[in-house]
Amino acid sequence: SIFKLMEKAVDKAKETDSPAADTLIAVESTLGGIANKVEELNDDYDLVGGAGTVLDSVGDLVEVGVDKVLDVNDEYKITDRVGGVVKGAVDKATEK
């Protein structure tokens, strides 16, 4: 599926020695850290009082994360690079 190809392309991009790889790794780490911290705070202080609020909080985090990813993409043109890798993989697969 296209999602598997994208995932492989992102994984491959992270393995390169480039600012884009460092950025992808940092974004993943940051988003994971935010999610863990929110979960810890909620466990300690019951900050989230119901499933609806949980979904709202997650939605807000996702929105912030997406905004950051878009900023990073604008700076490093990651989607252009990933798109090239995916196109190459698709072209290679269709040649067979």
N, C-alpha and C. Protein backbone atom coordinates (compact mmCIF):
# COMPACT_ATOMS: atom_id res chain seq x y z
N SER A 1 0.84 -1.18 0.00
CA SER A 1 0.00 0.00 0.00
C SER A 1 0.88 1.24 0.00
N ILE A 2 0.30 2.37 -0.33
CA ILE A 2 1.05 3.62 -0.40
C ILE A 2 1.58 4.01 0.97
N PHE A 3 0.83 3.66 2.04
CA PHE A 3 1.28 4.01 3.38
C PHE A 3 2.54 3.24 3.76
N LYS A 4 2.61 1.99 3.36
CA LYS A 4 3.81 1.19 3.62
C LYS A 4 5.00 1.76 2.86
N LEU A 5 4.77 2.16 1.61
CA LEU A 5 5.84 2.77 0.82
C LEU A 5 6.31 4.07 1.46
N MET A 6 5.36 4.88 1.93
CA MET A 6 5.72 6.13 2.59
C MET A 6 6.51 5.87 3.86
N GLU A 7 6.05 4.89 4.63
CA GLU A 7 6.74 4.56 5.88
C GLU A 7 8.17 4.11 5.59
N LYS A 8 8.33 3.27 4.57
CA LYS A 8 9.67 2.82 4.20
C LYS A 8 10.52 3.99 3.73
N ALA A 9 9.92 4.90 2.96
CA ALA A 9 10.66 6.06 2.47
C ALA A 9 11.10 6.96 3.62
N VAL A 10 10.22 7.16 4.58
CA VAL A 10 10.58 7.98 5.75
C VAL A 10 11.67 7.28 6.56
N ASP A 11 11.53 5.96 6.76
CA ASP A 11 12.57 5.22 7.48
C ASP A 11 13.91 5.33 6.76
N LYS A 12 13.87 5.23 5.44
CA LYS A 12 15.10 5.34 4.65
C LYS A 12 15.68 6.75 4.76
N ALA A 13 14.82 7.75 4.73
CA ALA A 13 15.27 9.14 4.86
C ALA A 13 15.92 9.38 6.22
N LYS A 14 15.38 8.73 7.25
CA LYS A 14 15.95 8.89 8.60
C LYS A 14 17.32 8.26 8.71
N GLU A 15 17.62 7.30 7.85
CA GLU A 15 18.91 6.61 7.89
C GLU A 15 20.01 7.41 7.20
N THR A 16 19.66 8.46 6.48
CA THR A 16 20.66 9.25 5.78
C THR A 16 21.33 10.22 6.75
N ASP A 17 22.47 10.72 6.35
CA ASP A 17 23.19 11.70 7.16
C ASP A 17 22.87 13.08 6.61
N SER A 18 21.68 13.60 6.99
CA SER A 18 21.25 14.88 6.46
C SER A 18 20.42 15.61 7.51
N PRO A 19 20.25 16.91 7.33
CA PRO A 19 19.39 17.66 8.25
C PRO A 19 17.96 17.13 8.26
N ALA A 20 17.48 16.66 7.12
CA ALA A 20 16.11 16.13 7.06
C ALA A 20 15.97 14.90 7.94
N ALA A 21 16.96 14.03 7.95
CA ALA A 21 16.91 12.83 8.79
C ALA A 21 16.91 13.24 10.26
N ASP A 22 17.77 14.16 10.61
CA ASP A 22 17.82 14.63 12.00
C ASP A 22 16.49 15.25 12.40
N THR A 23 15.88 16.00 11.50
CA THR A 23 14.61 16.65 11.78
C THR A 23 13.50 15.62 11.97
N LEU A 24 13.43 14.63 11.09
CA LEU A 24 12.41 13.59 11.22
C LEU A 24 12.52 12.88 12.56
N ILE A 25 13.74 12.54 12.94
CA ILE A 25 13.98 11.85 14.20
C ILE A 25 13.58 12.75 15.37
N ALA A 26 13.94 14.03 15.29
CA ALA A 26 13.60 14.97 16.36
C ALA A 26 12.09 15.15 16.48
N VAL A 27 11.39 15.26 15.35
CA VAL A 27 9.94 15.43 15.38
C VAL A 27 9.27 14.20 16.01
N GLU A 28 9.70 13.01 15.60
CA GLU A 28 9.13 11.79 16.18
C GLU A 28 9.38 11.74 17.68
N SER A 29 10.58 12.06 18.09
CA SER A 29 10.94 12.04 19.50
C SER A 29 10.12 13.05 20.29
N THR A 30 9.98 14.25 19.73
CA THR A 30 9.22 15.29 20.41
C THR A 30 7.76 14.90 20.58
N LEU A 31 7.16 14.41 19.51
CA LEU A 31 5.74 14.01 19.60
C LEU A 31 5.56 12.87 20.59
N GLY A 32 6.48 11.92 20.59
CA GLY A 32 6.41 10.82 21.55
C GLY A 32 6.57 11.32 22.97
N GLY A 33 7.48 12.25 23.18
CA GLY A 33 7.70 12.83 24.50
C GLY A 33 6.50 13.61 25.00
N ILE A 34 5.87 14.36 24.10
CA ILE A 34 4.68 15.13 24.48
C ILE A 34 3.56 14.19 24.90
N ALA A 35 3.33 13.16 24.11
CA ALA A 35 2.26 12.21 24.43
C ALA A 35 2.53 11.54 25.77
N ASN A 36 3.78 11.14 26.02
CA ASN A 36 4.11 10.51 27.30
C ASN A 36 3.92 11.46 28.46
N LYS A 37 4.33 12.72 28.30
CA LYS A 37 4.20 13.70 29.38
C LYS A 37 2.74 13.98 29.69
N VAL A 38 1.91 14.12 28.66
CA VAL A 38 0.48 14.35 28.87
C VAL A 38 -0.13 13.17 29.62
N GLU A 39 0.26 11.98 29.23
CA GLU A 39 -0.26 10.78 29.90
C GLU A 39 0.18 10.76 31.37
N GLU A 40 1.45 11.08 31.64
CA GLU A 40 1.94 11.12 33.02
C GLU A 40 1.18 12.14 33.85
N LEU A 41 1.03 13.35 33.31
CA LEU A 41 0.32 14.40 34.03
C LEU A 41 -1.13 14.01 34.29
N ASN A 42 -1.74 13.41 33.30
CA ASN A 42 -3.12 12.98 33.49
C ASN A 42 -3.22 11.90 34.56
N ASP A 43 -2.28 10.96 34.56
CA ASP A 43 -2.28 9.91 35.58
C ASP A 43 -2.09 10.51 36.97
N ASP A 44 -1.21 11.51 37.09
CA ASP A 44 -0.89 12.11 38.39
C ASP A 44 -1.99 13.06 38.87
N TYR A 45 -2.56 13.83 37.97
CA TYR A 45 -3.46 14.91 38.38
C TYR A 45 -4.87 14.82 37.81
N ASP A 46 -5.15 13.75 37.11
CA ASP A 46 -6.46 13.57 36.48
C ASP A 46 -6.89 14.84 35.75
N LEU A 47 -6.00 15.32 34.89
CA LEU A 47 -6.26 16.55 34.15
C LEU A 47 -7.38 16.39 33.13
N VAL A 48 -7.54 15.20 32.64
CA VAL A 48 -8.53 14.96 31.60
C VAL A 48 -9.73 14.28 32.24
N GLY A 49 -10.87 14.94 32.15
CA GLY A 49 -12.05 14.43 32.84
C GLY A 49 -13.05 13.77 31.92
N GLY A 50 -12.64 12.87 31.07
CA GLY A 50 -13.58 12.17 30.21
C GLY A 50 -13.02 11.93 28.83
N ALA A 51 -13.64 11.01 28.14
CA ALA A 51 -13.15 10.62 26.82
C ALA A 51 -13.20 11.77 25.82
N GLY A 52 -14.23 12.59 25.88
CA GLY A 52 -14.33 13.72 24.95
C GLY A 52 -13.18 14.69 25.12
N THR A 53 -12.82 14.95 26.36
CA THR A 53 -11.71 15.86 26.63
C THR A 53 -10.39 15.24 26.19
N VAL A 54 -10.26 13.93 26.37
CA VAL A 54 -9.05 13.25 25.93
C VAL A 54 -8.90 13.43 24.42
N LEU A 55 -9.97 13.20 23.70
CA LEU A 55 -9.90 13.34 22.25
C LEU A 55 -9.59 14.78 21.83
N ASP A 56 -10.17 15.74 22.55
CA ASP A 56 -9.86 17.15 22.26
C ASP A 56 -8.38 17.44 22.50
N SER A 57 -7.86 16.92 23.62
CA SER A 57 -6.44 17.15 23.95
C SER A 57 -5.54 16.51 22.91
N VAL A 58 -5.86 15.30 22.53
CA VAL A 58 -5.05 14.62 21.51
C VAL A 58 -5.16 15.39 20.20
N GLY A 59 -6.34 15.84 19.87
CA GLY A 59 -6.53 16.62 18.65
C GLY A 59 -5.69 17.88 18.65
N ASP A 60 -5.65 18.56 19.80
CA ASP A 60 -4.82 19.77 19.91
C ASP A 60 -3.35 19.43 19.72
N LEU A 61 -2.90 18.34 20.35
CA LEU A 61 -1.50 17.92 20.20
C LEU A 61 -1.18 17.58 18.75
N VAL A 62 -2.11 16.89 18.10
CA VAL A 62 -1.90 16.53 16.70
C VAL A 62 -1.82 17.80 15.85
N GLU A 63 -2.69 18.75 16.13
CA GLU A 63 -2.69 19.99 15.36
C GLU A 63 -1.35 20.72 15.51
N VAL A 64 -0.86 20.81 16.74
CA VAL A 64 0.45 21.44 16.98
C VAL A 64 1.54 20.66 16.25
N GLY A 65 1.47 19.32 16.36
CA GLY A 65 2.47 18.48 15.69
C GLY A 65 2.44 18.67 14.19
N VAL A 66 1.26 18.72 13.62
CA VAL A 66 1.13 18.90 12.16
C VAL A 66 1.69 20.26 11.75
N ASP A 67 1.39 21.29 12.55
CA ASP A 67 1.92 22.62 12.23
C ASP A 67 3.45 22.60 12.24
N LYS A 68 4.03 21.93 13.23
CA LYS A 68 5.49 21.85 13.31
C LYS A 68 6.06 21.07 12.12
N VAL A 69 5.39 19.97 11.78
CA VAL A 69 5.85 19.17 10.64
C VAL A 69 5.78 19.99 9.36
N LEU A 70 4.72 20.77 9.19
CA LEU A 70 4.60 21.61 8.00
C LEU A 70 5.70 22.66 7.96
N ASP A 71 6.02 23.24 9.12
CA ASP A 71 7.11 24.21 9.18
C ASP A 71 8.43 23.56 8.78
N VAL A 72 8.69 22.39 9.33
CA VAL A 72 9.93 21.66 9.02
C VAL A 72 9.95 21.30 7.54
N ASN A 73 8.81 20.86 7.02
CA ASN A 73 8.75 20.49 5.60
C ASN A 73 9.03 21.69 4.71
N ASP A 74 8.48 22.84 5.07
CA ASP A 74 8.75 24.05 4.29
C ASP A 74 10.24 24.36 4.27
N GLU A 75 10.89 24.14 5.41
CA GLU A 75 12.32 24.47 5.49
C GLU A 75 13.19 23.45 4.78
N TYR A 76 12.89 22.15 4.94
CA TYR A 76 13.78 21.11 4.42
C TYR A 76 13.24 20.37 3.20
N LYS A 77 12.01 20.67 2.77
CA LYS A 77 11.41 20.05 1.58
C LYS A 77 11.39 18.51 1.69
N ILE A 78 10.99 18.03 2.86
CA ILE A 78 11.00 16.59 3.12
C ILE A 78 10.03 15.86 2.21
N THR A 79 8.83 16.41 2.01
CA THR A 79 7.86 15.70 1.16
C THR A 79 8.36 15.59 -0.27
N ASP A 80 9.09 16.60 -0.73
CA ASP A 80 9.65 16.50 -2.08
C ASP A 80 10.64 15.35 -2.15
N ARG A 81 11.46 15.24 -1.11
CA ARG A 81 12.46 14.17 -1.09
C ARG A 81 11.80 12.80 -0.95
N VAL A 82 10.84 12.71 -0.04
CA VAL A 82 10.13 11.44 0.15
C VAL A 82 9.36 11.08 -1.11
N GLY A 83 8.73 12.09 -1.72
CA GLY A 83 7.99 11.85 -2.96
C GLY A 83 8.89 11.29 -4.04
N GLY A 84 10.12 11.80 -4.13
CA GLY A 84 11.07 11.28 -5.10
C GLY A 84 11.43 9.83 -4.82
N VAL A 85 11.61 9.52 -3.53
CA VAL A 85 11.94 8.14 -3.15
C VAL A 85 10.76 7.22 -3.46
N VAL A 86 9.55 7.67 -3.12
CA VAL A 86 8.35 6.85 -3.39
C VAL A 86 8.17 6.67 -4.89
N LYS A 87 8.34 7.74 -5.66
CA LYS A 87 8.20 7.63 -7.11
C LYS A 87 9.22 6.65 -7.66
N GLY A 88 10.45 6.73 -7.16
CA GLY A 88 11.48 5.78 -7.60
C GLY A 88 11.10 4.34 -7.27
N ALA A 89 10.54 4.14 -6.06
CA ALA A 89 10.14 2.79 -5.66
C ALA A 89 8.99 2.29 -6.52
N VAL A 90 8.04 3.16 -6.80
CA VAL A 90 6.89 2.79 -7.64
C VAL A 90 7.36 2.49 -9.05
N ASP A 91 8.23 3.35 -9.58
CA ASP A 91 8.75 3.12 -10.93
C ASP A 91 9.50 1.79 -10.99
N LYS A 92 10.30 1.53 -9.99
CA LYS A 92 11.05 0.28 -9.94
C LYS A 92 10.12 -0.92 -9.86
N ALA A 93 9.06 -0.80 -9.04
CA ALA A 93 8.11 -1.90 -8.88
C ALA A 93 7.33 -2.15 -10.16
N THR A 94 7.02 -1.07 -10.89
CA THR A 94 6.24 -1.24 -12.12
C THR A 94 7.09 -1.75 -13.28
N GLU A 95 8.42 -1.62 -13.16
CA GLU A 95 9.30 -2.14 -14.21
C GLU A 95 9.34 -3.65 -14.21
N LYS A 96 9.06 -4.26 -13.09
CA LYS A 96 9.18 -5.73 -12.96
C LYS A 96 8.08 -6.46 -13.61
